[in-house]
Amino acid sequence: MSQQTPEIEVESWVGIVKQKVSALRFGSLQIIVHEGRVTQVESTEKTRLSVEPLLTQARK
């Protein structure tokens, strides 16, 4: 059984996804679907740290 999703509802979560993707530099986006509807959008952002300065400091 397929359900038709109202156009306004689709535009709403698609806009949220676009906003979160454009705000991420490194990370992931998870879209939660319940009974054929997007009910939640989660984003996790990673902060990348350089390992090189830590090794340099440890040798001093």
N, C-alpha and C. Protein backbone atom coordinates (compact mmCIF):
# COMPACT_ATOMS: atom_id res chain seq x y z
N MET A 1 0.83 -1.19 0.00
CA MET A 1 0.00 0.00 0.00
C MET A 1 0.86 1.24 0.00
N SER A 2 0.71 2.09 -0.96
CA SER A 2 1.46 3.34 -0.95
C SER A 2 0.52 4.48 -0.60
N GLN A 3 1.07 5.43 0.15
CA GLN A 3 0.29 6.58 0.56
C GLN A 3 0.80 7.82 -0.16
N GLN A 4 -0.09 8.70 -0.53
CA GLN A 4 0.29 9.98 -1.12
C GLN A 4 0.62 10.95 0.01
N THR A 5 1.75 11.62 -0.07
CA THR A 5 2.14 12.60 0.93
C THR A 5 1.76 13.98 0.43
N PRO A 6 1.06 14.76 1.26
CA PRO A 6 0.70 16.11 0.84
C PRO A 6 1.94 16.92 0.47
N GLU A 7 1.83 17.72 -0.60
CA GLU A 7 2.96 18.49 -1.13
C GLU A 7 3.55 19.44 -0.08
N ILE A 8 2.72 20.07 0.73
CA ILE A 8 3.20 21.01 1.76
C ILE A 8 4.07 20.29 2.77
N GLU A 9 3.68 19.10 3.18
CA GLU A 9 4.45 18.33 4.15
C GLU A 9 5.82 17.95 3.57
N VAL A 10 5.87 17.55 2.32
CA VAL A 10 7.13 17.19 1.67
C VAL A 10 8.05 18.40 1.61
N GLU A 11 7.53 19.54 1.20
CA GLU A 11 8.35 20.75 1.12
C GLU A 11 8.92 21.11 2.48
N SER A 12 8.17 20.88 3.53
CA SER A 12 8.62 21.22 4.88
C SER A 12 9.86 20.43 5.27
N TRP A 13 9.83 19.09 5.17
CA TRP A 13 10.99 18.32 5.61
C TRP A 13 12.13 18.41 4.61
N VAL A 14 11.82 18.59 3.34
CA VAL A 14 12.89 18.76 2.35
C VAL A 14 13.65 20.05 2.63
N GLY A 15 12.95 21.08 3.01
CA GLY A 15 13.59 22.35 3.37
C GLY A 15 14.49 22.21 4.59
N ILE A 16 14.02 21.44 5.56
CA ILE A 16 14.82 21.19 6.77
C ILE A 16 16.08 20.42 6.41
N VAL A 17 15.95 19.41 5.56
CA VAL A 17 17.11 18.61 5.14
C VAL A 17 18.11 19.49 4.40
N LYS A 18 17.63 20.32 3.47
CA LYS A 18 18.53 21.21 2.72
C LYS A 18 19.28 22.15 3.66
N GLN A 19 18.56 22.69 4.64
CA GLN A 19 19.18 23.62 5.60
C GLN A 19 20.26 22.92 6.42
N LYS A 20 19.97 21.73 6.91
CA LYS A 20 20.93 21.01 7.74
C LYS A 20 22.15 20.56 6.93
N VAL A 21 21.94 20.11 5.70
CA VAL A 21 23.06 19.69 4.85
C VAL A 21 23.96 20.88 4.55
N SER A 22 23.38 22.03 4.25
CA SER A 22 24.21 23.19 3.92
C SER A 22 24.98 23.71 5.14
N ALA A 23 24.49 23.40 6.34
CA ALA A 23 25.17 23.85 7.56
C ALA A 23 26.28 22.89 8.00
N LEU A 24 26.29 21.67 7.46
CA LEU A 24 27.28 20.67 7.86
C LEU A 24 28.56 20.79 7.05
N ARG A 25 29.68 20.66 7.70
CA ARG A 25 30.95 20.56 7.00
C ARG A 25 31.41 19.11 6.97
N PHE A 26 31.39 18.47 8.14
CA PHE A 26 31.65 17.04 8.29
C PHE A 26 30.56 16.51 9.22
N GLY A 27 29.94 15.44 8.85
CA GLY A 27 28.93 14.87 9.73
C GLY A 27 27.95 13.99 8.98
N SER A 28 26.80 13.77 9.60
CA SER A 28 25.79 12.92 8.99
C SER A 28 24.40 13.46 9.27
N LEU A 29 23.48 13.04 8.42
CA LEU A 29 22.09 13.44 8.54
C LEU A 29 21.26 12.16 8.51
N GLN A 30 20.35 12.02 9.45
CA GLN A 30 19.51 10.83 9.51
C GLN A 30 18.05 11.26 9.41
N ILE A 31 17.31 10.62 8.51
CA ILE A 31 15.89 10.92 8.32
C ILE A 31 15.09 9.75 8.88
N ILE A 32 14.24 10.02 9.86
CA ILE A 32 13.43 9.00 10.51
C ILE A 32 12.05 8.99 9.87
N VAL A 33 11.60 7.80 9.46
CA VAL A 33 10.30 7.65 8.82
C VAL A 33 9.43 6.74 9.69
N HIS A 34 8.21 7.16 9.92
CA HIS A 34 7.25 6.37 10.70
C HIS A 34 5.95 6.29 9.92
N GLU A 35 5.54 5.08 9.60
CA GLU A 35 4.31 4.84 8.83
C GLU A 35 4.27 5.65 7.53
N GLY A 36 5.43 5.66 6.84
CA GLY A 36 5.49 6.31 5.54
C GLY A 36 5.63 7.82 5.57
N ARG A 37 5.80 8.41 6.76
CA ARG A 37 5.97 9.87 6.88
C ARG A 37 7.28 10.18 7.56
N VAL A 38 7.93 11.24 7.10
CA VAL A 38 9.14 11.71 7.77
C VAL A 38 8.70 12.35 9.07
N THR A 39 9.20 11.83 10.19
CA THR A 39 8.79 12.34 11.49
C THR A 39 9.92 13.04 12.23
N GLN A 40 11.16 12.82 11.78
CA GLN A 40 12.29 13.40 12.50
C GLN A 40 13.49 13.51 11.57
N VAL A 41 14.26 14.57 11.73
CA VAL A 41 15.51 14.75 11.00
C VAL A 41 16.59 15.05 12.03
N GLU A 42 17.62 14.20 12.07
CA GLU A 42 18.70 14.36 13.04
C GLU A 42 20.01 14.65 12.31
N SER A 43 20.80 15.55 12.85
CA SER A 43 22.12 15.79 12.27
C SER A 43 23.17 15.66 13.36
N THR A 44 24.31 15.12 12.97
CA THR A 44 25.46 14.98 13.85
C THR A 44 26.63 15.62 13.15
N GLU A 45 27.24 16.59 13.82
CA GLU A 45 28.38 17.27 13.21
C GLU A 45 29.67 16.80 13.85
N LYS A 46 30.65 16.55 13.02
CA LYS A 46 31.97 16.11 13.48
C LYS A 46 32.91 17.31 13.49
N THR A 47 33.76 17.38 14.49
CA THR A 47 34.81 18.38 14.53
C THR A 47 36.12 17.65 14.34
N ARG A 48 36.78 17.92 13.24
CA ARG A 48 38.03 17.24 12.91
C ARG A 48 39.20 17.97 13.57
N LEU A 49 40.01 17.21 14.27
CA LEU A 49 41.19 17.77 14.93
C LEU A 49 42.43 17.21 14.26
N SER A 50 43.43 18.04 14.14
CA SER A 50 44.68 17.61 13.55
C SER A 50 45.48 16.83 14.59
N VAL A 51 46.00 15.68 14.23
CA VAL A 51 46.79 14.85 15.14
C VAL A 51 48.23 15.34 15.19
N GLU A 52 48.71 15.94 14.13
CA GLU A 52 50.11 16.34 14.01
C GLU A 52 50.57 17.26 15.14
N PRO A 53 49.85 18.33 15.51
CA PRO A 53 50.34 19.19 16.59
C PRO A 53 50.48 18.45 17.92
N LEU A 54 49.64 17.48 18.19
CA LEU A 54 49.73 16.73 19.43
C LEU A 54 51.02 15.90 19.46
N LEU A 55 51.38 15.29 18.36
CA LEU A 55 52.61 14.50 18.30
C LEU A 55 53.84 15.39 18.45
N THR A 56 53.79 16.56 17.86
CA THR A 56 54.91 17.51 17.96
C THR A 56 55.11 17.95 19.40
N GLN A 57 54.02 18.23 20.11
CA GLN A 57 54.11 18.67 21.51
C GLN A 57 54.61 17.55 22.41
N ALA A 58 54.23 16.33 22.13
CA ALA A 58 54.62 15.20 22.96
C ALA A 58 56.13 14.95 22.90
N ARG A 59 56.76 15.30 21.80
CA ARG A 59 58.20 15.06 21.62
C ARG A 59 59.04 16.10 22.32
N LYS A 60 58.48 17.22 22.69
CA LYS A 60 59.26 18.31 23.32
C LYS A 60 59.59 18.01 24.76
